[in-house]
Amino acid sequence: MFLSLQNLPRAMAVVLSAVLCLLPLGAQADHSWGNYHWARSQNPFTLKLGDNLSSAWDPYLLTTAKDWSTPLVTEPATSDVLNTLIVAGSTRPKQCRASSGKVEVCNATYGFNGWLGIAQIWASGSHISQGVVKMNDSYFNTASYNKPAWRNLVLCQEVGHTLGLDHQDEDFGNANLGTCMDYANDPVPNQHPNQHDYEQLALIYSHLDTFTSLAASSASTSAAPALLGVDLNSQREWGQLLRSRNGGRTEVYARDLGRGHKLFTFVIWAW
């Protein structure tokens, strides 16, 4: 998720939320998001992306889906671990409810609340069971962000989070890394994954599980009912501040949802 520091006021933020079950916030290895991954018994596996997008966003979802289908051969060679498949969405875009076993992708005018995009994952242990990505048209309909580069960058990054990836870099002042998993003020060089993203995915999915979390199952959504009335876009719902970096520009919050479930919110503040 990205903000242009030149175009957004201080009070705005970009939010990434993840609902995690029975698992503490772990240390990140390289730019994996803790140890969170989709359970599967073989590679490559197919992750379904539910299309709840307007026609204006559909071309960008096609690009993102192609980008995150890991290549069979690259230089240097990496494993072909996953493919993404666009399917019909199962939710209303404004609510953008999660569906077990896949990632629902939505866009709507969610309001001038400070974020361009949100990615959410539900997990049991280290296994992701469902995910949600939201694109905020309140900003993307403005002249500042109604540009192909911004749409590609934000959608690519949010879907990348639902695969288990964190950011490669969170310093706006560093040189662009040529990946959508980089925070940057200039989106043009950072619209797609780079080789390091594919290598990281190969590491994340280098082991196999004895079951799959890619199929619809009521058991995998045990945390969902506790979230139906929670506004995950509001700071007052984020809970306790766990980590603050870059002079307070990047922060992590945790909220205990009870019964061993927790909500973690990753936020980038702009000023």
Protein backbone atom coordinates (compact mmCIF):
# COMPACT_ATOMS: atom_id res chain seq x y z
CA MET A 1 0.00 0.00 0.00
CA PHE A 2 1.32 3.38 -0.88
CA LEU A 3 0.82 7.04 -0.24
CA SER A 4 2.31 9.96 -2.08
CA LEU A 5 3.70 12.16 0.67
CA GLN A 6 3.31 15.15 -1.60
CA ASN A 7 -0.37 14.61 -2.29
CA LEU A 8 -1.94 13.39 0.96
CA PRO A 9 -2.34 15.29 4.24
CA ARG A 10 -0.71 14.29 7.49
CA ALA A 11 -3.75 12.60 9.02
CA MET A 12 -3.98 10.00 6.27
CA ALA A 13 -2.64 6.48 6.43
CA VAL A 14 -2.42 3.34 4.34
CA VAL A 15 -3.53 0.25 6.21
CA LEU A 16 -2.76 -3.44 5.89
CA SER A 17 -4.70 -5.70 8.25
CA ALA A 18 -4.25 -9.39 8.92
CA VAL A 19 -6.37 -11.61 11.13
CA LEU A 20 -4.20 -14.31 12.67
CA CYS A 21 -5.32 -17.19 14.85
CA LEU A 22 -3.32 -18.76 17.70
CA LEU A 23 -0.01 -17.36 16.44
CA PRO A 24 2.21 -14.56 17.74
CA LEU A 25 3.62 -11.96 15.39
CA GLY A 26 6.78 -13.68 14.19
CA ALA A 27 10.06 -12.34 12.94
CA GLN A 28 10.20 -11.84 9.21
CA ALA A 29 12.65 -13.88 7.16
CA ASP A 30 13.82 -11.64 4.32
CA HIS A 31 10.53 -10.21 3.06
CA SER A 32 8.20 -13.07 3.86
CA TRP A 33 5.28 -12.10 6.08
CA GLY A 34 6.20 -14.17 9.12
CA ASN A 35 5.62 -17.80 8.15
CA TYR A 36 2.13 -17.30 6.75
CA HIS A 37 1.30 -19.32 3.66
CA TRP A 38 -1.50 -21.26 2.00
CA ALA A 39 -1.50 -24.93 2.97
CA ARG A 40 -1.25 -27.32 0.03
CA SER A 41 0.02 -30.83 -0.64
CA GLN A 42 1.69 -30.14 -3.99
CA ASN A 43 3.30 -27.43 -6.12
CA PRO A 44 2.38 -25.58 -8.18
CA PHE A 45 -0.93 -24.75 -6.53
CA THR A 46 -3.72 -22.50 -7.80
CA LEU A 47 -5.03 -19.57 -5.76
CA LYS A 48 -8.42 -18.21 -6.81
CA LEU A 49 -8.91 -14.44 -6.99
CA GLY A 50 -12.59 -13.52 -6.71
CA ASP A 51 -13.37 -10.68 -9.13
CA ASN A 52 -15.70 -8.18 -7.45
CA LEU A 53 -14.21 -5.30 -9.41
CA SER A 54 -15.71 -2.75 -11.76
CA SER A 55 -14.76 -2.81 -15.43
CA ALA A 56 -12.26 -0.01 -14.81
CA TRP A 57 -10.24 -2.33 -12.56
CA ASP A 58 -10.53 -5.60 -14.50
CA PRO A 59 -7.49 -5.00 -16.75
CA TYR A 60 -5.34 -4.38 -13.68
CA LEU A 61 -6.50 -7.59 -12.04
CA LEU A 62 -5.54 -9.46 -15.21
CA THR A 63 -2.06 -7.94 -15.00
CA THR A 64 -1.73 -8.71 -11.29
CA ALA A 65 -2.90 -12.30 -11.72
CA LYS A 66 -0.35 -12.84 -14.47
CA ASP A 67 2.39 -11.16 -12.44
CA TRP A 68 1.88 -13.38 -9.39
CA SER A 69 1.75 -16.64 -11.34
CA THR A 70 5.37 -17.52 -10.67
CA PRO A 71 7.46 -18.30 -13.75
CA LEU A 72 8.71 -21.79 -14.46
CA VAL A 73 12.08 -20.55 -15.68
CA THR A 74 13.74 -17.25 -14.81
CA GLU A 75 17.30 -16.04 -14.54
CA PRO A 76 18.39 -17.40 -12.15
CA ALA A 77 15.89 -20.25 -12.25
CA THR A 78 13.20 -20.38 -9.56
CA SER A 79 10.51 -22.93 -8.84
CA ASP A 80 7.03 -22.67 -10.30
CA VAL A 81 5.14 -22.72 -7.01
CA LEU A 82 1.82 -21.02 -7.66
CA ASN A 83 -0.66 -19.85 -10.25
CA THR A 84 -3.51 -17.40 -9.78
CA LEU A 85 -6.92 -17.92 -11.35
CA ILE A 86 -9.53 -15.17 -11.66
CA VAL A 87 -13.02 -16.44 -10.78
CA ALA A 88 -16.39 -14.81 -10.20
CA GLY A 89 -16.52 -12.90 -6.94
CA SER A 90 -18.75 -13.94 -4.04
CA THR A 91 -19.36 -10.67 -2.22
CA ARG A 92 -20.66 -7.14 -2.58
CA PRO A 93 -17.73 -4.79 -3.18
CA LYS A 94 -18.64 -2.33 -0.42
CA GLN A 95 -18.69 -5.05 2.25
CA CYS A 96 -16.06 -7.26 0.58
CA ARG A 97 -16.62 -10.26 2.84
CA ALA A 98 -13.99 -12.98 2.86
CA SER A 99 -14.62 -16.43 1.38
CA SER A 100 -12.69 -19.44 2.63
CA GLY A 101 -10.08 -20.88 0.32
CA LYS A 102 -9.60 -17.83 -1.90
CA VAL A 103 -8.95 -14.08 -2.04
CA GLU A 104 -11.86 -11.73 -2.74
CA VAL A 105 -10.75 -8.60 -4.64
CA CYS A 106 -13.01 -5.54 -4.45
CA ASN A 107 -13.19 -1.85 -5.28
CA ALA A 108 -15.59 0.79 -4.00
CA THR A 109 -15.66 4.36 -2.71
CA TYR A 110 -14.69 3.47 0.86
CA GLY A 111 -14.28 7.13 1.80
CA PHE A 112 -11.42 9.58 2.35
CA ASN A 113 -10.11 7.58 5.31
CA GLY A 114 -6.43 7.71 4.41
CA TRP A 115 -5.81 4.39 2.67
CA LEU A 116 -5.51 3.51 -0.98
CA GLY A 117 -5.69 -0.25 -0.51
CA ILE A 118 -6.11 -2.88 2.19
CA ALA A 119 -5.06 -6.53 2.25
CA GLN A 120 -6.40 -8.86 4.94
CA ILE A 121 -5.64 -12.49 5.66
CA TRP A 122 -7.21 -14.95 8.06
CA ALA A 123 -4.91 -17.69 9.30
CA SER A 124 -4.90 -20.63 11.67
CA GLY A 125 -1.39 -21.16 12.94
CA SER A 126 0.78 -20.23 9.99
CA HIS A 127 -1.75 -21.32 7.37
CA ILE A 128 -3.77 -18.72 5.47
CA SER A 129 -7.39 -19.75 5.00
CA GLN A 130 -8.89 -16.71 3.24
CA GLY A 131 -8.03 -13.20 2.16
CA VAL A 132 -9.50 -9.88 1.06
CA VAL A 133 -8.10 -7.03 -1.04
CA LYS A 134 -9.84 -3.63 -1.28
CA MET A 135 -9.07 -0.75 -3.64
CA ASN A 136 -10.37 2.63 -2.46
CA ASP A 137 -11.94 4.54 -5.36
CA SER A 138 -12.39 7.61 -3.20
CA TYR A 139 -8.72 8.23 -4.00
CA PHE A 140 -8.37 6.37 -7.29
CA ASN A 141 -11.07 8.59 -8.80
CA THR A 142 -8.93 11.67 -8.13
CA ALA A 143 -6.45 13.12 -10.60
CA SER A 144 -3.52 12.23 -8.34
CA TYR A 145 -4.18 8.47 -8.31
CA ASN A 146 -6.36 7.78 -11.34
CA LYS A 147 -3.30 6.59 -13.24
CA PRO A 148 -2.34 3.12 -14.52
CA ALA A 149 0.94 3.08 -12.59
CA TRP A 150 -0.76 3.69 -9.22
CA ARG A 151 -3.47 1.11 -9.92
CA ASN A 152 -0.92 -1.51 -10.95
CA LEU A 153 1.36 -0.84 -7.99
CA VAL A 154 -1.27 -0.90 -5.24
CA LEU A 155 -3.23 -3.89 -6.54
CA CYS A 156 -0.03 -5.86 -7.15
CA GLN A 157 1.21 -5.16 -3.62
CA GLU A 158 -2.06 -6.01 -1.88
CA VAL A 159 -2.39 -9.36 -3.65
CA GLY A 160 1.28 -10.01 -2.87
CA HIS A 161 0.53 -9.66 0.84
CA THR A 162 -2.17 -12.34 0.60
CA LEU A 163 0.48 -14.74 -0.75
CA GLY A 164 2.60 -14.30 2.38
CA LEU A 165 4.93 -11.51 1.22
CA ASP A 166 5.92 -8.45 3.22
CA HIS A 167 7.57 -5.31 1.82
CA GLN A 168 11.10 -5.44 0.47
CA ASP A 169 11.69 -1.88 1.69
CA GLU A 170 9.68 0.63 3.77
CA ASP A 171 11.90 3.70 3.40
CA PHE A 172 10.39 6.23 1.01
CA GLY A 173 13.81 7.86 0.62
CA ASN A 174 15.60 4.78 -0.70
CA ALA A 175 16.14 4.11 -4.38
CA ASN A 176 13.28 2.30 -6.11
CA LEU A 177 13.75 -1.48 -6.13
CA GLY A 178 11.66 -2.16 -9.22
CA THR A 179 9.00 -4.12 -7.34
CA CYS A 180 5.46 -3.43 -6.20
CA MET A 181 6.52 -4.69 -2.74
CA ASP A 182 8.51 -1.46 -2.25
CA TYR A 183 7.26 1.77 -0.66
CA ALA A 184 7.85 4.60 -3.10
CA ASN A 185 6.57 8.02 -4.07
CA ASP A 186 7.02 7.24 -7.77
CA PRO A 187 4.91 4.24 -8.83
CA VAL A 188 6.19 3.98 -12.41
CA PRO A 189 9.25 1.75 -11.74
CA ASN A 190 7.38 -0.36 -9.16
CA GLN A 191 4.30 -1.73 -10.91
CA HIS A 192 5.18 -5.44 -10.93
CA PRO A 193 7.05 -8.06 -8.87
CA ASN A 194 10.77 -8.47 -9.34
CA GLN A 195 13.03 -11.52 -9.29
CA HIS A 196 13.52 -11.33 -5.53
CA ASP A 197 9.75 -11.63 -5.00
CA TYR A 198 9.66 -14.85 -7.02
CA GLU A 199 12.67 -16.20 -5.14
CA GLN A 200 10.99 -15.40 -1.82
CA LEU A 201 7.80 -17.18 -2.87
CA ALA A 202 9.87 -20.22 -3.81
CA LEU A 203 11.31 -20.22 -0.28
CA ILE A 204 7.94 -19.70 1.40
CA TYR A 205 6.41 -22.62 -0.51
CA SER A 206 9.47 -24.89 -0.57
CA HIS A 207 7.81 -27.34 1.85
CA LEU A 208 4.53 -29.21 1.41
CA ASP A 209 1.65 -29.61 3.86
CA THR A 210 -0.51 -32.64 4.55
CA PHE A 211 -3.74 -30.75 3.85
CA THR A 212 -5.01 -27.79 1.84
CA SER A 213 -6.49 -24.48 2.95
CA LEU A 214 -7.43 -23.64 -0.65
CA ALA A 215 -10.85 -25.31 -0.51
CA ALA A 216 -14.02 -23.75 0.91
CA SER A 217 -14.53 -25.00 4.44
CA SER A 218 -16.57 -23.65 7.33
CA ALA A 219 -13.83 -24.82 9.71
CA SER A 220 -11.32 -22.45 8.17
CA THR A 221 -13.44 -19.37 8.84
CA SER A 222 -13.79 -19.69 12.61
CA ALA A 223 -12.45 -16.16 13.15
CA ALA A 224 -14.76 -14.50 10.62
CA PRO A 225 -17.91 -14.07 12.81
CA ALA A 226 -15.96 -12.03 15.36
CA LEU A 227 -15.05 -9.54 12.62
CA LEU A 228 -18.43 -8.94 11.00
CA GLY A 229 -19.11 -5.86 13.11
CA VAL A 230 -15.54 -4.58 13.23
CA ASP A 231 -14.46 -1.61 11.10
CA LEU A 232 -10.94 -2.69 10.19
CA ASN A 233 -10.31 0.69 8.56
CA SER A 234 -10.57 2.61 11.83
CA GLN A 235 -7.55 3.11 14.09
CA ARG A 236 -9.74 2.82 17.18
CA GLU A 237 -10.33 -0.83 16.24
CA TRP A 238 -6.64 -1.73 15.89
CA GLY A 239 -5.85 -2.34 19.56
CA GLN A 240 -2.42 -2.03 21.17
CA LEU A 241 0.60 -0.53 19.42
CA LEU A 242 3.26 -3.23 19.14
CA ARG A 243 5.89 -1.66 16.89
CA SER A 244 6.75 1.78 15.55
CA ARG A 245 9.44 2.45 12.94
CA ASN A 246 10.70 5.23 10.68
CA GLY A 247 9.88 7.94 13.20
CA GLY A 248 6.35 6.63 13.64
CA ARG A 249 5.59 6.35 9.92
CA THR A 250 5.28 2.54 10.02
CA GLU A 251 3.45 0.89 12.92
CA VAL A 252 1.95 -2.45 13.92
CA TYR A 253 -1.10 -2.81 16.16
CA ALA A 254 -2.65 -5.92 17.74
CA ARG A 255 -6.18 -6.49 18.97
CA ASP A 256 -7.22 -9.56 20.93
CA LEU A 257 -10.48 -10.91 19.51
CA GLY A 258 -10.84 -13.60 22.16
CA ARG A 259 -10.67 -17.39 22.01
CA GLY A 260 -7.04 -17.22 20.89
CA HIS A 261 -7.71 -15.02 17.87
CA LYS A 262 -5.91 -11.75 17.23
CA LEU A 263 -6.11 -8.94 14.72
CA PHE A 264 -2.87 -7.36 13.52
CA THR A 265 -2.90 -4.04 11.66
CA PHE A 266 0.11 -2.81 9.71
CA VAL A 267 -0.05 0.92 8.97
CA ILE A 268 2.00 3.51 7.08
CA TRP A 269 1.29 7.09 8.16
CA ALA A 270 1.77 10.05 5.84
CA TRP A 271 2.43 13.69 6.69
